[in-house]
Amino acid sequence: MPQTMTLDEKLAILCKAAAVRQAGNDEEHSRLVRLVPLPPYLAKVAKEKIGVDFLIKGGWNLSEAEAEFGSDWLIN
């Protein structure tokens, strides 16, 4: 099971993402943002409203949603 990311780790990544976006590197910003686990409630809403393909193809970190809903939550 993946190790849980601390709040400090999440904030450090998001601060770096903000800095690279401000420097004009939108691609790196997008990559960094997707490293931070999507909160389970947002993952659930995205699954219902946007679809499973958005989450899978988007490369979102779904580790917290999997921990809360189970490893097969995307297909059920």
C-alpha atoms as a PDB file:
ATOM      1  CA  MET A   1       0.000   0.000   0.000  1.00  0.00           C
ATOM      2  CA  PRO A   2       1.392   3.449  -0.904  1.00  0.00           C
ATOM      3  CA  GLN A   3       2.600   5.660   1.882  1.00  0.00           C
ATOM      4  CA  THR A   4       0.295   8.545   2.760  1.00  0.00           C
ATOM      5  CA  MET A   5       1.565  11.964   1.766  1.00  0.00           C
ATOM      6  CA  THR A   6       1.776  14.446   4.625  1.00  0.00           C
ATOM      7  CA  LEU A   7       0.207  17.873   4.456  1.00  0.00           C
ATOM      8  CA  ASP A   8       3.679  19.426   4.412  1.00  0.00           C
ATOM      9  CA  GLU A   9       4.658  17.245   1.437  1.00  0.00           C
ATOM     10  CA  LYS A  10       1.489  18.216  -0.422  1.00  0.00           C
ATOM     11  CA  LEU A  11       2.042  21.903   0.269  1.00  0.00           C
ATOM     12  CA  ALA A  12       5.679  21.722  -0.851  1.00  0.00           C
ATOM     13  CA  ILE A  13       4.658  20.184  -4.178  1.00  0.00           C
ATOM     14  CA  LEU A  14       1.856  22.690  -4.693  1.00  0.00           C
ATOM     15  CA  CYS A  15       4.160  25.631  -3.876  1.00  0.00           C
ATOM     16  CA  LYS A  16       6.665  24.343  -6.416  1.00  0.00           C
ATOM     17  CA  ALA A  17       3.821  23.918  -8.923  1.00  0.00           C
ATOM     18  CA  ALA A  18       2.749  27.526  -8.371  1.00  0.00           C
ATOM     19  CA  ALA A  19       6.318  28.728  -8.888  1.00  0.00           C
ATOM     20  CA  VAL A  20       6.806  26.855 -12.155  1.00  0.00           C
ATOM     21  CA  ARG A  21       3.448  28.071 -13.420  1.00  0.00           C
ATOM     22  CA  GLN A  22       4.393  31.637 -12.592  1.00  0.00           C
ATOM     23  CA  ALA A  23       7.607  31.032 -14.557  1.00  0.00           C
ATOM     24  CA  GLY A  24       5.458  30.012 -17.529  1.00  0.00           C
ATOM     25  CA  ASN A  25       5.907  26.235 -17.433  1.00  0.00           C
ATOM     26  CA  ASP A  26       2.304  25.041 -17.557  1.00  0.00           C
ATOM     27  CA  GLU A  27       3.257  21.477 -18.491  1.00  0.00           C
ATOM     28  CA  GLU A  28       5.432  21.025 -15.391  1.00  0.00           C
ATOM     29  CA  HIS A  29       2.748  22.698 -13.274  1.00  0.00           C
ATOM     30  CA  SER A  30       0.198  20.175 -14.482  1.00  0.00           C
ATOM     31  CA  ARG A  31       2.569  17.270 -13.820  1.00  0.00           C
ATOM     32  CA  LEU A  32       3.302  18.450 -10.282  1.00  0.00           C
ATOM     33  CA  VAL A  33      -0.339  19.065  -9.375  1.00  0.00           C
ATOM     34  CA  ARG A  34      -1.197  15.511 -10.373  1.00  0.00           C
ATOM     35  CA  LEU A  35       1.405  14.156  -7.925  1.00  0.00           C
ATOM     36  CA  VAL A  36      -0.693  15.332  -4.988  1.00  0.00           C
ATOM     37  CA  PRO A  37      -3.433  12.838  -4.109  1.00  0.00           C
ATOM     38  CA  LEU A  38      -6.854  13.968  -5.239  1.00  0.00           C
ATOM     39  CA  PRO A  39      -9.060  14.174  -2.135  1.00  0.00           C
ATOM     40  CA  PRO A  40     -11.513  11.252  -2.096  1.00  0.00           C
ATOM     41  CA  TYR A  41     -14.608  13.453  -2.247  1.00  0.00           C
ATOM     42  CA  LEU A  42     -13.262  15.233  -5.357  1.00  0.00           C
ATOM     43  CA  ALA A  43     -12.266  11.944  -6.975  1.00  0.00           C
ATOM     44  CA  LYS A  44     -15.773  10.599  -6.389  1.00  0.00           C
ATOM     45  CA  VAL A  45     -17.429  13.683  -7.873  1.00  0.00           C
ATOM     46  CA  ALA A  46     -15.047  13.645 -10.853  1.00  0.00           C
ATOM     47  CA  LYS A  47     -15.848   9.969 -11.463  1.00  0.00           C
ATOM     48  CA  GLU A  48     -19.595  10.659 -11.370  1.00  0.00           C
ATOM     49  CA  LYS A  49     -19.649  13.947 -13.300  1.00  0.00           C
ATOM     50  CA  ILE A  50     -16.681  13.734 -15.693  1.00  0.00           C
ATOM     51  CA  GLY A  51     -16.049  10.011 -15.929  1.00  0.00           C
ATOM     52  CA  VAL A  52     -13.508   7.311 -15.180  1.00  0.00           C
ATOM     53  CA  ASP A  53     -11.485   8.030 -18.340  1.00  0.00           C
ATOM     54  CA  PHE A  54     -10.754  11.567 -17.113  1.00  0.00           C
ATOM     55  CA  LEU A  55      -9.201  10.200 -13.934  1.00  0.00           C
ATOM     56  CA  ILE A  56      -7.276   7.367 -15.544  1.00  0.00           C
ATOM     57  CA  LYS A  57      -6.002   9.166 -18.637  1.00  0.00           C
ATOM     58  CA  GLY A  58      -5.303  12.335 -16.656  1.00  0.00           C
ATOM     59  CA  GLY A  59      -2.758  10.596 -14.486  1.00  0.00           C
ATOM     60  CA  TRP A  60      -4.290  11.806 -11.234  1.00  0.00           C
ATOM     61  CA  ASN A  61      -2.936  10.444  -7.962  1.00  0.00           C
ATOM     62  CA  LEU A  62      -5.894   8.460  -6.640  1.00  0.00           C
ATOM     63  CA  SER A  63      -4.145   6.858  -3.662  1.00  0.00           C
ATOM     64  CA  GLU A  64      -6.352   8.521  -1.029  1.00  0.00           C
ATOM     65  CA  ALA A  65      -9.550   7.614  -2.889  1.00  0.00           C
ATOM     66  CA  GLU A  66      -8.345   4.010  -3.216  1.00  0.00           C
ATOM     67  CA  ALA A  67      -7.557   3.917   0.510  1.00  0.00           C
ATOM     68  CA  GLU A  68     -11.043   5.209   1.348  1.00  0.00           C
ATOM     69  CA  PHE A  69     -13.181   3.459  -1.278  1.00  0.00           C
ATOM     70  CA  GLY A  70     -11.119   0.352  -2.086  1.00  0.00           C
ATOM     71  CA  SER A  71      -8.802  -0.516  -4.946  1.00  0.00           C
ATOM     72  CA  ASP A  72     -11.656  -1.307  -7.352  1.00  0.00           C
ATOM     73  CA  TRP A  73     -13.712   1.841  -6.750  1.00  0.00           C
ATOM     74  CA  LEU A  74     -13.146   3.190 -10.265  1.00  0.00           C
ATOM     75  CA  ILE A  75     -14.695   0.200 -11.991  1.00  0.00           C
ATOM     76  CA  ASN A  76     -17.621  -0.246  -9.616  1.00  0.00           C
END
